[in-house]
Structures are given as structure tokens and as C-alpha cells.
Amino acid sequence: MSMIEWVKKENKKNLVLFIHGLKGGLDSWEFDHSISFPKLVSEEKDLAEIFDIACFNYFTNFTNAYGHAKSAWRRFFGSTNKLTKNLPVDELSELLITELDITLSEYESIIIIAHSMGGLITKDCILKKVKEDGQRKITGFISLAVPHSGALLAKLPLLISSNAQLVDLNVLSDTTDPVSYTHLRAHETCAAL
């Protein structure tokens, strides 16, 4: 089951890959049902000659309860083959790596346009790929409204939800600031002694 949804696939050597954020989906990129950012890029003549266009579409919901309710509903009335669990950024970046290595392996160059949490997924993926194999495939990364340092607003919903994605969006989380978070935990441990 691929998490890649194609906007335009003509077997070009290059790809523009869109990755949505928290509470997003393919509709994150839409103005209305007939106009979307990926579609506009695919129709731009100079870009259309060089790039295929796709979206990495992962499951995300604001609360775990809503996600579980939808899953139970689907189990009762039929299933889709989509993953319906709020996975943390680390696991989503692993899924993205799998897509890059398998589904998108034929591309020489990939430019990623990511929004919000999609940027954190992309950043984690790039860092892992650099350690793993020197990462040469992702040649561009455009981050739109990505909370690279975390988002204070992510703390409020955590009062009612244990959503792993909200935890990752927090300021000083392992995802947004792994060095400071580890340092803070070490400091708290020393202070407790």
C-alpha cells in the first residue's frame, strides 16, 4: 500500500513531492475542488516538461478518539486500506524513506514542498538519509509554516489528547529540538538526584 498519490506521472527524471501537515490531507493544497497547488505546478509548462508531481499522504487527526471512532466505523461497515493511526513524526519519516527507496527510486532528483508537520517529517527523513547513505536524491526542500522550533499551541490540545503528532509538535520535543530536549531531561535527572 503506497502512501503516494499522483497528480501527474509521466516518468520524468525529477519529482516535486508535496507533504501536508497536521490535520491536513490532499485538500490542504486545494483552493477549491478544481484548483490546487500541486495541480497548478503540474500545469506550469516549464515545470511540466521536467517534473512529475505527487503527494505523500499520511493519516492525521487532531484527537486520537476521533481516529479510533473512524477506525471502528470502518471495521464495522467495511475497511479502506489506509493506515488510520496518528503515527509520530519519526515513524512517518521512516514511511517516507520507504517510499523514496521503493516507489520513488527511479527519480534522480526530488524537490519536497512541505507544510507544517510535513516539514518536520521531511527534515527527519533528510537527516536519516544523510546518515544512512549520504542522501543525494532530495535536492530541494521548501518548508511552508513549519514549526522547526516547535509550537506553543501544541500544548493546549495535549490536555485532552495524547496524539503522538501533537507531542512531536511541542516546543523542546525530541522532534523539534532533540539536543535541547535531551539536555533538559539530563538536567532534570541531575536536579532530582
C-alpha atoms as a PDB file:
ATOM      1  CA  MET A   1       0.000   0.000   0.000  1.00  0.00           C
ATOM      2  CA  SER A   2       1.693   3.161  -1.199  1.00  0.00           C
ATOM      3  CA  MET A   3       1.234   6.498   0.518  1.00  0.00           C
ATOM      4  CA  ILE A   4       1.980   8.322  -2.730  1.00  0.00           C
ATOM      5  CA  GLU A   5      -0.918   9.921  -4.597  1.00  0.00           C
ATOM      6  CA  TRP A   6      -0.072  11.025  -8.119  1.00  0.00           C
ATOM      7  CA  VAL A   7      -1.098  14.367  -9.591  1.00  0.00           C
ATOM      8  CA  LYS A   8       0.948  13.868 -12.772  1.00  0.00           C
ATOM      9  CA  LYS A   9       3.066  10.830 -13.623  1.00  0.00           C
ATOM     10  CA  GLU A  10       4.779  10.825 -16.997  1.00  0.00           C
ATOM     11  CA  ASN A  11       8.006   9.073 -15.955  1.00  0.00           C
ATOM     12  CA  LYS A  12      10.115  12.227 -15.847  1.00  0.00           C
ATOM     13  CA  LYS A  13      13.542  12.108 -14.149  1.00  0.00           C
ATOM     14  CA  ASN A  14      12.528  14.628 -11.487  1.00  0.00           C
ATOM     15  CA  LEU A  15       9.703  14.831  -8.972  1.00  0.00           C
ATOM     16  CA  VAL A  16       8.009  17.520  -6.909  1.00  0.00           C
ATOM     17  CA  LEU A  17       6.585  15.874  -3.794  1.00  0.00           C
ATOM     18  CA  PHE A  18       4.053  17.658  -1.575  1.00  0.00           C
ATOM     19  CA  ILE A  19       3.724  16.692   2.113  1.00  0.00           C
ATOM     20  CA  HIS A  20       0.815  18.074   4.145  1.00  0.00           C
ATOM     21  CA  GLY A  21       0.761  18.981   7.827  1.00  0.00           C
ATOM     22  CA  LEU A  22      -1.188  18.115  10.963  1.00  0.00           C
ATOM     23  CA  LYS A  23      -4.932  17.903  10.364  1.00  0.00           C
ATOM     24  CA  GLY A  24      -4.195  18.029   6.670  1.00  0.00           C
ATOM     25  CA  GLY A  25      -4.546  15.846   3.643  1.00  0.00           C
ATOM     26  CA  LEU A  26      -4.617  16.311  -0.086  1.00  0.00           C
ATOM     27  CA  ASP A  27      -7.175  19.068   0.419  1.00  0.00           C
ATOM     28  CA  SER A  28      -4.504  21.098   2.286  1.00  0.00           C
ATOM     29  CA  TRP A  29      -3.235  22.129  -1.099  1.00  0.00           C
ATOM     30  CA  GLU A  30      -6.654  22.996  -2.587  1.00  0.00           C
ATOM     31  CA  PHE A  31      -8.295  26.344  -3.125  1.00  0.00           C
ATOM     32  CA  ASP A  32     -11.403  24.509  -4.240  1.00  0.00           C
ATOM     33  CA  HIS A  33     -12.010  21.133  -5.902  1.00  0.00           C
ATOM     34  CA  SER A  34     -10.767  22.369  -9.265  1.00  0.00           C
ATOM     35  CA  ILE A  35      -7.705  24.375  -8.165  1.00  0.00           C
ATOM     36  CA  SER A  36      -4.821  23.030  -6.098  1.00  0.00           C
ATOM     37  CA  PHE A  37      -1.180  23.965  -5.647  1.00  0.00           C
ATOM     38  CA  PRO A  38       0.087  20.577  -6.973  1.00  0.00           C
ATOM     39  CA  LYS A  39      -2.252  20.818  -9.970  1.00  0.00           C
ATOM     40  CA  LEU A  40      -1.109  24.373 -10.746  1.00  0.00           C
ATOM     41  CA  VAL A  41       2.534  23.245 -10.593  1.00  0.00           C
ATOM     42  CA  SER A  42       1.751  20.294 -12.894  1.00  0.00           C
ATOM     43  CA  GLU A  43       0.124  22.645 -15.428  1.00  0.00           C
ATOM     44  CA  GLU A  44       3.012  25.135 -15.485  1.00  0.00           C
ATOM     45  CA  LYS A  45       4.583  24.482 -18.910  1.00  0.00           C
ATOM     46  CA  ASP A  46       8.255  24.814 -17.937  1.00  0.00           C
ATOM     47  CA  LEU A  47       7.815  22.622 -14.851  1.00  0.00           C
ATOM     48  CA  ALA A  48       5.592  20.052 -16.576  1.00  0.00           C
ATOM     49  CA  GLU A  49       8.385  19.261 -19.025  1.00  0.00           C
ATOM     50  CA  ILE A  50      10.772  18.369 -16.200  1.00  0.00           C
ATOM     51  CA  PHE A  51       8.781  17.130 -13.186  1.00  0.00           C
ATOM     52  CA  ASP A  52       6.242  14.526 -12.200  1.00  0.00           C
ATOM     53  CA  ILE A  53       4.032  15.708  -9.317  1.00  0.00           C
ATOM     54  CA  ALA A  54       2.892  13.656  -6.329  1.00  0.00           C
ATOM     55  CA  CYS A  55       1.727  13.936  -2.731  1.00  0.00           C
ATOM     56  CA  PHE A  56       2.848  11.889   0.279  1.00  0.00           C
ATOM     57  CA  ASN A  57      -0.459  11.369   2.052  1.00  0.00           C
ATOM     58  CA  TYR A  58      -0.418  10.113   5.642  1.00  0.00           C
ATOM     59  CA  PHE A  59      -3.200   9.772   8.198  1.00  0.00           C
ATOM     60  CA  THR A  60      -3.537  12.545  10.749  1.00  0.00           C
ATOM     61  CA  ASN A  61      -6.299  13.618  13.065  1.00  0.00           C
ATOM     62  CA  PHE A  62      -6.423  16.110  15.872  1.00  0.00           C
ATOM     63  CA  THR A  63      -7.562  13.695  18.565  1.00  0.00           C
ATOM     64  CA  ASN A  64      -6.927  10.004  18.967  1.00  0.00           C
ATOM     65  CA  ALA A  65     -10.575   9.434  19.917  1.00  0.00           C
ATOM     66  CA  TYR A  66     -11.773  10.698  16.540  1.00  0.00           C
ATOM     67  CA  GLY A  67      -9.267   8.462  14.745  1.00  0.00           C
ATOM     68  CA  HIS A  68     -10.360   5.406  16.778  1.00  0.00           C
ATOM     69  CA  ALA A  69     -14.036   6.129  16.152  1.00  0.00           C
ATOM     70  CA  LYS A  70     -13.429   6.290  12.418  1.00  0.00           C
ATOM     71  CA  SER A  71     -11.438   3.049  12.583  1.00  0.00           C
ATOM     72  CA  ALA A  72     -14.214   1.266  14.487  1.00  0.00           C
ATOM     73  CA  TRP A  73     -16.761   2.600  11.991  1.00  0.00           C
ATOM     74  CA  ARG A  74     -14.663   1.291   9.113  1.00  0.00           C
ATOM     75  CA  ARG A  75     -14.180  -2.097  10.777  1.00  0.00           C
ATOM     76  CA  PHE A  76     -17.921  -2.422  11.222  1.00  0.00           C
ATOM     77  CA  PHE A  77     -19.010  -1.155   7.801  1.00  0.00           C
ATOM     78  CA  GLY A  78     -16.020  -2.010   5.657  1.00  0.00           C
ATOM     79  CA  SER A  79     -12.409  -1.100   5.530  1.00  0.00           C
ATOM     80  CA  THR A  80     -10.221   1.117   3.489  1.00  0.00           C
ATOM     81  CA  ASN A  81      -6.627   0.077   3.023  1.00  0.00           C
ATOM     82  CA  LYS A  82      -5.402   3.283   4.630  1.00  0.00           C
ATOM     83  CA  LEU A  83      -3.451   3.445   7.856  1.00  0.00           C
ATOM     84  CA  THR A  84      -5.721   5.161  10.408  1.00  0.00           C
ATOM     85  CA  LYS A  85      -3.455   5.869  13.341  1.00  0.00           C
ATOM     86  CA  ASN A  86      -1.695   9.067  14.349  1.00  0.00           C
ATOM     87  CA  LEU A  87       1.924   7.994  13.951  1.00  0.00           C
ATOM     88  CA  PRO A  88       4.753  10.091  15.404  1.00  0.00           C
ATOM     89  CA  VAL A  89       6.994  12.116  13.105  1.00  0.00           C
ATOM     90  CA  ASP A  90       9.823   9.579  13.465  1.00  0.00           C
ATOM     91  CA  GLU A  91       7.668   6.733  12.130  1.00  0.00           C
ATOM     92  CA  LEU A  92       6.177   8.876   9.361  1.00  0.00           C
ATOM     93  CA  SER A  93       9.685   9.819   8.215  1.00  0.00           C
ATOM     94  CA  GLU A  94      10.540   6.093   8.086  1.00  0.00           C
ATOM     95  CA  LEU A  95       7.477   5.545   5.864  1.00  0.00           C
ATOM     96  CA  LEU A  96       8.638   8.434   3.663  1.00  0.00           C
ATOM     97  CA  ILE A  97      12.108   6.846   3.426  1.00  0.00           C
ATOM     98  CA  THR A  98      10.474   3.590   2.346  1.00  0.00           C
ATOM     99  CA  GLU A  99       8.537   5.423  -0.372  1.00  0.00           C
ATOM    100  CA  LEU A 100      11.728   7.180  -1.524  1.00  0.00           C
ATOM    101  CA  ASP A 101      13.656   3.904  -1.654  1.00  0.00           C
ATOM    102  CA  ILE A 102      10.941   1.821  -3.324  1.00  0.00           C
ATOM    103  CA  THR A 103       8.106   3.715  -5.013  1.00  0.00           C
ATOM    104  CA  LEU A 104      10.175   6.770  -5.987  1.00  0.00           C
ATOM    105  CA  SER A 105      13.541   5.087  -6.563  1.00  0.00           C
ATOM    106  CA  GLU A 106      13.599   5.849 -10.301  1.00  0.00           C
ATOM    107  CA  TYR A 107      13.805   9.623  -9.738  1.00  0.00           C
ATOM    108  CA  GLU A 108      17.191  11.317  -9.995  1.00  0.00           C
ATOM    109  CA  SER A 109      16.055  14.430  -8.180  1.00  0.00           C
ATOM    110  CA  ILE A 110      13.205  15.140  -5.753  1.00  0.00           C
ATOM    111  CA  ILE A 111      12.066  18.538  -4.519  1.00  0.00           C
ATOM    112  CA  ILE A 112       9.839  18.405  -1.458  1.00  0.00           C
ATOM    113  CA  ILE A 113       7.309  21.120  -0.647  1.00  0.00           C
ATOM    114  CA  ALA A 114       6.109  20.576   2.912  1.00  0.00           C
ATOM    115  CA  HIS A 115       3.600  22.335   5.115  1.00  0.00           C
ATOM    116  CA  SER A 116       3.688  22.454   8.931  1.00  0.00           C
ATOM    117  CA  MET A 117       4.279  18.983  10.410  1.00  0.00           C
ATOM    118  CA  GLY A 118       5.087  17.723   6.907  1.00  0.00           C
ATOM    119  CA  GLY A 119       8.260  19.807   7.153  1.00  0.00           C
ATOM    120  CA  LEU A 120       9.240  18.059  10.383  1.00  0.00           C
ATOM    121  CA  ILE A 121       8.684  14.695   8.692  1.00  0.00           C
ATOM    122  CA  THR A 122      10.826  15.825   5.744  1.00  0.00           C
ATOM    123  CA  LYS A 123      13.591  17.220   7.955  1.00  0.00           C
ATOM    124  CA  ASP A 124      13.750  13.974   9.959  1.00  0.00           C
ATOM    125  CA  CYS A 125      13.795  11.963   6.726  1.00  0.00           C
ATOM    126  CA  ILE A 126      16.640  14.039   5.236  1.00  0.00           C
ATOM    127  CA  LEU A 127      18.736  13.762   8.410  1.00  0.00           C
ATOM    128  CA  LYS A 128      18.249   9.976   8.497  1.00  0.00           C
ATOM    129  CA  LYS A 129      19.056   9.632   4.789  1.00  0.00           C
ATOM    130  CA  VAL A 130      22.240  11.710   5.176  1.00  0.00           C
ATOM    131  CA  LYS A 131      23.431   9.374   7.964  1.00  0.00           C
ATOM    132  CA  GLU A 132      22.333   6.267   6.047  1.00  0.00           C
ATOM    133  CA  ASP A 133      23.607   6.851   2.543  1.00  0.00           C
ATOM    134  CA  GLY A 134      24.766  10.424   2.104  1.00  0.00           C
ATOM    135  CA  GLN A 135      21.330  11.400   0.687  1.00  0.00           C
ATOM    136  CA  ARG A 136      21.616  12.744  -2.820  1.00  0.00           C
ATOM    137  CA  LYS A 137      18.079  12.259  -4.122  1.00  0.00           C
ATOM    138  CA  ILE A 138      16.339  15.139  -2.282  1.00  0.00           C
ATOM    139  CA  THR A 139      17.790  18.181  -3.988  1.00  0.00           C
ATOM    140  CA  GLY A 140      15.361  20.783  -2.677  1.00  0.00           C
ATOM    141  CA  PHE A 141      13.222  21.344   0.395  1.00  0.00           C
ATOM    142  CA  ILE A 142      10.696  24.172   0.662  1.00  0.00           C
ATOM    143  CA  SER A 143       9.138  24.432   4.107  1.00  0.00           C
ATOM    144  CA  LEU A 144       5.902  26.383   4.461  1.00  0.00           C
ATOM    145  CA  ALA A 145       4.897  27.399   8.014  1.00  0.00           C
ATOM    146  CA  VAL A 146       6.932  24.583   9.574  1.00  0.00           C
ATOM    147  CA  PRO A 147       7.368  24.824  13.361  1.00  0.00           C
ATOM    148  CA  HIS A 148      11.060  23.866  13.240  1.00  0.00           C
ATOM    149  CA  SER A 149      11.411  25.016  16.862  1.00  0.00           C
ATOM    150  CA  GLY A 150       8.042  23.656  17.968  1.00  0.00           C
ATOM    151  CA  ALA A 151       4.673  25.293  18.528  1.00  0.00           C
ATOM    152  CA  LEU A 152       3.447  26.537  21.885  1.00  0.00           C
ATOM    153  CA  LEU A 153      -0.142  25.986  20.740  1.00  0.00           C
ATOM    154  CA  ALA A 154       0.534  22.226  20.612  1.00  0.00           C
ATOM    155  CA  LYS A 155       0.472  22.150  24.427  1.00  0.00           C
ATOM    156  CA  LEU A 156      -3.219  23.087  24.701  1.00  0.00           C
ATOM    157  CA  PRO A 157      -4.718  20.138  22.799  1.00  0.00           C
ATOM    158  CA  LEU A 158      -2.471  17.755  24.747  1.00  0.00           C
ATOM    159  CA  LEU A 159      -4.726  18.462  27.732  1.00  0.00           C
ATOM    160  CA  ILE A 160      -7.461  16.441  26.010  1.00  0.00           C
ATOM    161  CA  SER A 161      -5.488  14.192  23.661  1.00  0.00           C
ATOM    162  CA  SER A 162      -2.404  12.006  23.704  1.00  0.00           C
ATOM    163  CA  ASN A 163      -1.937  12.361  19.936  1.00  0.00           C
ATOM    164  CA  ALA A 164       1.690  11.455  19.125  1.00  0.00           C
ATOM    165  CA  GLN A 165       1.781  14.102  16.403  1.00  0.00           C
ATOM    166  CA  LEU A 166       0.853  16.862  18.863  1.00  0.00           C
ATOM    167  CA  VAL A 167       3.577  15.659  21.224  1.00  0.00           C
ATOM    168  CA  ASP A 168       6.085  15.933  18.356  1.00  0.00           C
ATOM    169  CA  LEU A 169       4.963  19.498  17.548  1.00  0.00           C
ATOM    170  CA  ASN A 170       5.655  20.726  21.095  1.00  0.00           C
ATOM    171  CA  VAL A 171       8.487  23.122  21.871  1.00  0.00           C
ATOM    172  CA  LEU A 172      11.555  21.159  23.050  1.00  0.00           C
ATOM    173  CA  SER A 173      10.156  17.824  21.883  1.00  0.00           C
ATOM    174  CA  ASP A 174      12.538  15.158  20.596  1.00  0.00           C
ATOM    175  CA  THR A 175      11.403  16.075  17.080  1.00  0.00           C
ATOM    176  CA  THR A 176      11.644  19.865  17.180  1.00  0.00           C
ATOM    177  CA  ASP A 177      14.737  20.164  19.369  1.00  0.00           C
ATOM    178  CA  PRO A 178      16.403  16.828  20.114  1.00  0.00           C
ATOM    179  CA  VAL A 179      19.564  18.373  21.611  1.00  0.00           C
ATOM    180  CA  SER A 180      17.755  20.741  23.991  1.00  0.00           C
ATOM    181  CA  TYR A 181      15.218  18.089  24.961  1.00  0.00           C
ATOM    182  CA  THR A 182      17.936  15.573  25.805  1.00  0.00           C
ATOM    183  CA  HIS A 183      19.887  18.266  27.667  1.00  0.00           C
ATOM    184  CA  LEU A 184      16.757  19.319  29.582  1.00  0.00           C
ATOM    185  CA  ARG A 185      15.986  15.696  30.559  1.00  0.00           C
ATOM    186  CA  ALA A 186      19.587  15.198  31.731  1.00  0.00           C
ATOM    187  CA  HIS A 187      19.371  18.420  33.763  1.00  0.00           C
ATOM    188  CA  GLU A 188      16.049  17.320  35.334  1.00  0.00           C
ATOM    189  CA  THR A 189      17.573  13.943  36.233  1.00  0.00           C
ATOM    190  CA  CYS A 190      20.609  15.593  37.869  1.00  0.00           C
ATOM    191  CA  ALA A 191      18.345  18.043  39.741  1.00  0.00           C
ATOM    192  CA  ALA A 192      16.238  15.146  41.042  1.00  0.00           C
ATOM    193  CA  LEU A 193      19.355  13.457  42.481  1.00  0.00           C
END
